[in-house]
C-alpha atoms as a PDB file:
ATOM      1  CA  MET A   1      -9.169  -1.271   3.983  1.00  0.00           C
ATOM      2  CA  ASN A   2      -9.843  -1.153   0.346  1.00  0.00           C
ATOM      3  CA  VAL A   3     -10.788  -4.526  -1.179  1.00  0.00           C
ATOM      4  CA  HIS A   4     -12.253  -4.650  -4.783  1.00  0.00           C
ATOM      5  CA  GLU A   5     -15.626  -6.358  -5.411  1.00  0.00           C
ATOM      6  CA  TYR A   6     -14.038  -9.447  -6.751  1.00  0.00           C
ATOM      7  CA  GLN A   7     -12.103  -9.803  -3.444  1.00  0.00           C
ATOM      8  CA  ALA A   8     -14.683  -8.683  -1.306  1.00  0.00           C
ATOM      9  CA  LYS A   9     -16.944 -11.614  -3.198  1.00  0.00           C
ATOM     10  CA  GLU A  10     -13.775 -13.903  -2.811  1.00  0.00           C
ATOM     11  CA  LEU A  11     -14.137 -13.368   1.228  1.00  0.00           C
ATOM     12  CA  MET A  12     -17.803 -13.812   1.191  1.00  0.00           C
ATOM     13  CA  ARG A  13     -17.586 -17.319  -0.582  1.00  0.00           C
ATOM     14  CA  LYS A  14     -14.692 -18.502   2.226  1.00  0.00           C
ATOM     15  CA  PHE A  15     -17.495 -17.553   4.843  1.00  0.00           C
ATOM     16  CA  GLY A  16     -20.470 -19.699   2.998  1.00  0.00           C
ATOM     17  CA  ILE A  17     -22.217 -16.394   1.933  1.00  0.00           C
ATOM     18  CA  LYS A  18     -23.725 -16.692  -1.668  1.00  0.00           C
ATOM     19  CA  VAL A  19     -22.834 -14.543  -4.020  1.00  0.00           C
ATOM     20  CA  LEU A  20     -22.856 -14.674  -7.795  1.00  0.00           C
ATOM     21  CA  ASN A  21     -19.971 -16.375  -9.624  1.00  0.00           C
ATOM     22  CA  GLY A  22     -17.718 -14.206 -11.815  1.00  0.00           C
ATOM     23  CA  GLN A  23     -14.048 -14.194 -13.376  1.00  0.00           C
ATOM     24  CA  VAL A  24     -11.360 -11.719 -12.964  1.00  0.00           C
ATOM     25  CA  ALA A  25      -9.972 -10.334 -15.986  1.00  0.00           C
ATOM     26  CA  LYS A  26      -6.728  -7.763 -16.874  1.00  0.00           C
ATOM     27  CA  THR A  27      -7.377  -7.980 -20.483  1.00  0.00           C
ATOM     28  CA  VAL A  28     -10.039  -8.293 -23.121  1.00  0.00           C
ATOM     29  CA  ASP A  29      -9.472 -11.681 -24.423  1.00  0.00           C
ATOM     30  CA  GLU A  30      -9.669 -12.728 -20.249  1.00  0.00           C
ATOM     31  CA  ALA A  31     -12.984 -10.956 -19.944  1.00  0.00           C
ATOM     32  CA  VAL A  32     -14.123 -12.901 -23.106  1.00  0.00           C
ATOM     33  CA  GLU A  33     -12.597 -16.078 -21.794  1.00  0.00           C
ATOM     34  CA  GLY A  34     -14.310 -15.493 -18.666  1.00  0.00           C
ATOM     35  CA  ALA A  35     -17.606 -14.875 -19.767  1.00  0.00           C
ATOM     36  CA  LYS A  36     -17.536 -18.459 -21.789  1.00  0.00           C
ATOM     37  CA  LYS A  37     -16.211 -20.388 -18.783  1.00  0.00           C
ATOM     38  CA  LEU A  38     -19.449 -18.751 -16.595  1.00  0.00           C
ATOM     39  CA  GLY A  39     -21.630 -19.879 -19.559  1.00  0.00           C
ATOM     40  CA  GLY A  40     -25.391 -18.393 -19.879  1.00  0.00           C
ATOM     41  CA  LYS A  41     -26.530 -15.647 -22.354  1.00  0.00           C
ATOM     42  CA  VAL A  42     -25.975 -12.955 -20.001  1.00  0.00           C
ATOM     43  CA  TRP A  43     -22.933 -11.517 -17.893  1.00  0.00           C
ATOM     44  CA  VAL A  44     -22.125  -8.249 -16.295  1.00  0.00           C
ATOM     45  CA  VAL A  45     -18.661  -6.570 -16.824  1.00  0.00           C
ATOM     46  CA  LYS A  46     -17.593  -4.346 -14.069  1.00  0.00           C
ATOM     47  CA  ALA A  47     -14.693  -2.194 -13.386  1.00  0.00           C
ATOM     48  CA  GLN A  48     -12.829  -2.690 -10.690  1.00  0.00           C
ATOM     49  CA  ILE A  49     -12.006   0.683  -8.993  1.00  0.00           C
ATOM     50  CA  HIS A  50     -11.730   1.828  -5.386  1.00  0.00           C
ATOM     51  CA  ALA A  51     -15.171   3.926  -5.611  1.00  0.00           C
ATOM     52  CA  GLY A  52     -18.711   3.939  -5.830  1.00  0.00           C
ATOM     53  CA  GLY A  53     -21.010   5.201  -8.336  1.00  0.00           C
ATOM     54  CA  ARG A  54     -19.162   2.865 -10.831  1.00  0.00           C
ATOM     55  CA  GLY A  55     -22.410   2.298 -12.945  1.00  0.00           C
ATOM     56  CA  LYS A  56     -23.435   5.899 -13.331  1.00  0.00           C
ATOM     57  CA  ALA A  57     -19.933   6.537 -14.443  1.00  0.00           C
ATOM     58  CA  GLY A  58     -20.293   3.786 -17.287  1.00  0.00           C
ATOM     59  CA  GLY A  59     -18.478   0.974 -15.918  1.00  0.00           C
ATOM     60  CA  VAL A  60     -21.182  -1.590 -15.140  1.00  0.00           C
ATOM     61  CA  LYS A  61     -22.462  -2.782 -18.210  1.00  0.00           C
ATOM     62  CA  VAL A  62     -24.935  -5.896 -19.168  1.00  0.00           C
ATOM     63  CA  ALA A  63     -23.923  -7.729 -21.616  1.00  0.00           C
ATOM     64  CA  LYS A  64     -26.208 -10.220 -23.716  1.00  0.00           C
ATOM     65  CA  SER A  65     -23.570 -11.912 -26.103  1.00  0.00           C
ATOM     66  CA  LEU A  66     -19.886 -12.717 -26.006  1.00  0.00           C
ATOM     67  CA  ASP A  67     -19.594  -9.553 -28.760  1.00  0.00           C
ATOM     68  CA  GLU A  68     -20.937  -7.233 -26.108  1.00  0.00           C
ATOM     69  CA  VAL A  69     -18.673  -8.942 -23.285  1.00  0.00           C
ATOM     70  CA  LYS A  70     -15.739  -7.654 -25.833  1.00  0.00           C
ATOM     71  CA  MET A  71     -17.427  -4.333 -26.643  1.00  0.00           C
ATOM     72  CA  TYR A  72     -17.527  -3.240 -23.154  1.00  0.00           C
ATOM     73  CA  ALA A  73     -14.619  -4.657 -21.971  1.00  0.00           C
ATOM     74  CA  GLU A  74     -12.752  -2.713 -24.377  1.00  0.00           C
ATOM     75  CA  LYS A  75     -14.808   0.466 -23.778  1.00  0.00           C
ATOM     76  CA  ILE A  76     -13.847   0.120 -20.059  1.00  0.00           C
ATOM     77  CA  LEU A  77     -10.515  -1.437 -19.326  1.00  0.00           C
ATOM     78  CA  HIS A  78      -8.014   1.069 -19.392  1.00  0.00           C
ATOM     79  CA  SER A  79     -10.573   4.023 -18.796  1.00  0.00           C
ATOM     80  CA  THR A  80     -10.495   6.557 -16.400  1.00  0.00           C
ATOM     81  CA  LEU A  81     -13.622   6.721 -14.453  1.00  0.00           C
ATOM     82  CA  VAL A  82     -14.966   9.891 -12.583  1.00  0.00           C
ATOM     83  CA  THR A  83     -17.177   9.239 -10.039  1.00  0.00           C
ATOM     84  CA  HIS A  84     -18.545  11.480  -6.840  1.00  0.00           C
ATOM     85  CA  GLN A  85     -15.623   9.540  -4.658  1.00  0.00           C
ATOM     86  CA  THR A  86     -12.831   9.596  -7.213  1.00  0.00           C
ATOM     87  CA  GLY A  87     -12.519  13.606  -7.915  1.00  0.00           C
ATOM     88  CA  PRO A  88     -12.328  15.192 -11.201  1.00  0.00           C
ATOM     89  CA  GLU A  89      -8.953  13.075 -11.807  1.00  0.00           C
ATOM     90  CA  GLY A  90     -10.968   9.744 -11.836  1.00  0.00           C
ATOM     91  CA  LYS A  91      -9.131   6.242 -11.370  1.00  0.00           C
ATOM     92  CA  LYS A  92      -7.988   4.413 -14.103  1.00  0.00           C
ATOM     93  CA  VAL A  93      -9.351   0.706 -14.743  1.00  0.00           C
ATOM     94  CA  ASN A  94      -6.704  -1.844 -15.034  1.00  0.00           C
ATOM     95  CA  THR A  95      -9.082  -4.769 -14.020  1.00  0.00           C
ATOM     96  CA  LEU A  96     -12.495  -5.991 -14.657  1.00  0.00           C
ATOM     97  CA  LEU A  97     -14.947  -8.269 -13.052  1.00  0.00           C
ATOM     98  CA  VAL A  98     -17.295 -10.422 -15.149  1.00  0.00           C
ATOM     99  CA  GLU A  99     -20.112 -11.819 -13.548  1.00  0.00           C
ATOM    100  CA  GLU A 100     -23.091 -14.343 -14.412  1.00  0.00           C
ATOM    101  CA  GLY A 101     -26.193 -12.683 -15.066  1.00  0.00           C
ATOM    102  CA  CYS A 102     -29.205 -13.022 -12.605  1.00  0.00           C
ATOM    103  CA  ASN A 103     -33.049 -12.218 -13.024  1.00  0.00           C
ATOM    104  CA  ILE A 104     -33.419  -8.997 -10.294  1.00  0.00           C
ATOM    105  CA  SER A 105     -36.819  -8.987  -8.618  1.00  0.00           C
ATOM    106  CA  LYS A 106     -35.703  -6.468  -6.039  1.00  0.00           C
ATOM    107  CA  GLU A 107     -32.588  -4.874  -4.944  1.00  0.00           C
ATOM    108  CA  PHE A 108     -31.750  -3.718  -1.473  1.00  0.00           C
ATOM    109  CA  TYR A 109     -29.238  -2.206   0.483  1.00  0.00           C
ATOM    110  CA  LEU A 110     -27.462  -4.119   3.252  1.00  0.00           C
ATOM    111  CA  GLY A 111     -24.013  -2.931   4.927  1.00  0.00           C
ATOM    112  CA  VAL A 112     -22.007  -3.443   7.762  1.00  0.00           C
ATOM    113  CA  VAL A 113     -19.637  -0.863   9.517  1.00  0.00           C
ATOM    114  CA  LEU A 114     -18.375   0.220  12.421  1.00  0.00           C
ATOM    115  CA  ASP A 115     -20.499   2.819  14.168  1.00  0.00           C
ATOM    116  CA  ARG A 116     -17.956   5.246  15.674  1.00  0.00           C
ATOM    117  CA  ASN A 117     -20.719   6.722  17.733  1.00  0.00           C
ATOM    118  CA  THR A 118     -21.608   3.761  19.506  1.00  0.00           C
ATOM    119  CA  SER A 119     -18.282   1.800  19.082  1.00  0.00           C
ATOM    120  CA  LYS A 120     -20.543  -1.509  17.868  1.00  0.00           C
ATOM    121  CA  VAL A 121     -20.453  -3.089  14.590  1.00  0.00           C
ATOM    122  CA  THR A 122     -23.760  -2.276  12.996  1.00  0.00           C
ATOM    123  CA  PHE A 123     -26.099  -3.496  10.527  1.00  0.00           C
ATOM    124  CA  MET A 124     -27.414  -0.687   7.929  1.00  0.00           C
ATOM    125  CA  ALA A 125     -30.605  -1.943   5.969  1.00  0.00           C
ATOM    126  CA  SER A 126     -32.838  -0.285   3.395  1.00  0.00           C
ATOM    127  CA  LYS A 127     -35.314  -1.586   0.894  1.00  0.00           C
ATOM    128  CA  GLU A 128     -34.283   1.345  -1.516  1.00  0.00           C
ATOM    129  CA  GLY A 129     -31.231  -0.664  -2.934  1.00  0.00           C
ATOM    130  CA  GLY A 130     -29.846  -0.127  -6.262  1.00  0.00           C
ATOM    131  CA  VAL A 131     -29.318   3.898  -5.445  1.00  0.00           C
ATOM    132  CA  GLU A 132     -26.173   5.192  -3.556  1.00  0.00           C
ATOM    133  CA  ILE A 133     -26.903   4.507  -0.097  1.00  0.00           C
ATOM    134  CA  GLU A 134     -25.683   8.115   0.605  1.00  0.00           C
ATOM    135  CA  GLU A 135     -28.585   9.983  -1.434  1.00  0.00           C
ATOM    136  CA  VAL A 136     -30.902   7.701   0.502  1.00  0.00           C
ATOM    137  CA  ALA A 137     -29.477   8.985   3.702  1.00  0.00           C
ATOM    138  CA  HIS A 138     -29.387  12.612   2.357  1.00  0.00           C
ATOM    139  CA  LYS A 139     -33.018  12.620   0.842  1.00  0.00           C
ATOM    140  CA  ASN A 140     -34.897   9.938   3.116  1.00  0.00           C
ATOM    141  CA  PRO A 141     -32.851   9.019   6.601  1.00  0.00           C
ATOM    142  CA  GLU A 142     -35.858   7.160   7.697  1.00  0.00           C
ATOM    143  CA  ALA A 143     -35.503   4.819   4.829  1.00  0.00           C
ATOM    144  CA  ILE A 144     -32.277   3.318   6.411  1.00  0.00           C
ATOM    145  CA  ILE A 145     -32.785   1.145   9.494  1.00  0.00           C
ATOM    146  CA  LYS A 146     -29.901   0.615  11.962  1.00  0.00           C
ATOM    147  CA  VAL A 147     -29.349  -2.626  14.028  1.00  0.00           C
ATOM    148  CA  PRO A 148     -26.421  -2.951  16.259  1.00  0.00           C
ATOM    149  CA  VAL A 149     -24.744  -5.858  17.163  1.00  0.00           C
ATOM    150  CA  GLU A 150     -23.782  -5.806  21.346  1.00  0.00           C
ATOM    151  CA  PRO A 151     -19.968  -6.534  21.366  1.00  0.00           C
ATOM    152  CA  GLY A 152     -20.296  -9.412  24.305  1.00  0.00           C
ATOM    153  CA  ALA A 153     -23.348 -11.063  22.470  1.00  0.00           C
ATOM    154  CA  GLY A 154     -22.136 -11.195  18.873  1.00  0.00           C
ATOM    155  CA  TYR A 155     -24.920 -11.998  15.999  1.00  0.00           C
ATOM    156  CA  GLN A 156     -28.464 -12.945  17.607  1.00  0.00           C
ATOM    157  CA  PRO A 157     -31.105 -14.605  15.860  1.00  0.00           C
ATOM    158  CA  TYR A 158     -33.221 -11.330  16.641  1.00  0.00           C
ATOM    159  CA  ILE A 159     -31.254  -9.072  14.473  1.00  0.00           C
ATOM    160  CA  GLY A 160     -32.035 -10.875  11.388  1.00  0.00           C
ATOM    161  CA  ARG A 161     -35.763 -10.558  12.284  1.00  0.00           C
ATOM    162  CA  ILE A 162     -35.412  -7.019  12.389  1.00  0.00           C
ATOM    163  CA  LEU A 163     -33.341  -6.732   9.369  1.00  0.00           C
ATOM    164  CA  SER A 164     -35.930  -9.257   7.313  1.00  0.00           C
ATOM    165  CA  ASN A 165     -38.961  -7.538   8.910  1.00  0.00           C
ATOM    166  CA  ALA A 166     -37.475  -4.165   7.574  1.00  0.00           C
ATOM    167  CA  LEU A 167     -36.812  -5.330   3.945  1.00  0.00           C
ATOM    168  CA  GLY A 168     -40.247  -7.170   4.032  1.00  0.00           C
ATOM    169  CA  LEU A 169     -38.945 -10.548   3.178  1.00  0.00           C
ATOM    170  CA  ASP A 170     -40.960 -13.364   3.736  1.00  0.00           C
ATOM    171  CA  ALA A 171     -40.690 -16.128   6.191  1.00  0.00           C
ATOM    172  CA  ALA A 172     -38.236 -18.249   3.236  1.00  0.00           C
ATOM    173  CA  GLN A 173     -36.429 -15.479   2.390  1.00  0.00           C
ATOM    174  CA  ALA A 174     -35.874 -14.343   5.856  1.00  0.00           C
ATOM    175  CA  LYS A 175     -34.449 -17.868   6.416  1.00  0.00           C
ATOM    176  CA  GLU A 176     -31.923 -17.673   3.616  1.00  0.00           C
ATOM    177  CA  ALA A 177     -31.202 -14.015   4.393  1.00  0.00           C
ATOM    178  CA  ASP A 178     -30.411 -14.961   8.317  1.00  0.00           C
ATOM    179  CA  ALA A 179     -27.701 -17.354   6.824  1.00  0.00           C
ATOM    180  CA  PHE A 180     -26.323 -14.173   4.636  1.00  0.00           C
ATOM    181  CA  TYR A 181     -26.106 -11.954   7.627  1.00  0.00           C
ATOM    182  CA  LYS A 182     -24.557 -14.201   9.640  1.00  0.00           C
ATOM    183  CA  GLY A 183     -21.858 -14.662   7.248  1.00  0.00           C
ATOM    184  CA  LEU A 184     -21.329 -10.995   6.743  1.00  0.00           C
ATOM    185  CA  TYR A 185     -20.839 -10.479  10.759  1.00  0.00           C
ATOM    186  CA  LYS A 186     -18.154 -13.417  10.588  1.00  0.00           C
ATOM    187  CA  LEU A 187     -16.574 -11.206   7.600  1.00  0.00           C
ATOM    188  CA  TYR A 188     -16.246  -8.405  10.031  1.00  0.00           C
END
């Protein structure tokens, strides 16, 4: 199933998972109005296409003023982004997500997939967030930890402990992360 980032975040909110606030925009004016509604001084303007690598292709920009929100929205909206997942024809951007900015001290990768080899829902995590996970898998596969979930047991607290230990989270972070893991599992 293909869902855009903004759609995934709507689902996450329904399951109690904390995500940044954002506004969907189909026009430049909607992008600027969305930033105004969000408030703050920093926003991220994100192309909404079904492909990874949007940032490297110029489809994710940090704006530090409403003028920059407008400039990036004009540049990204209706452009064609070419990423490693779109092929050379690229994908046209018809929708933007304008998201509130935040301070990022560390990035992680966390995904939930159906492992076809084991027929189990499996958490995948890495301290090497902020880069394409496919690149990490190719260059440094041991940097990715996989934690399968037994179908009959469902999510158990030990899964959160394994993931948080692998990510190097302290006790307070691990407690908050556990709620995130549980919510992700419920989504699956």
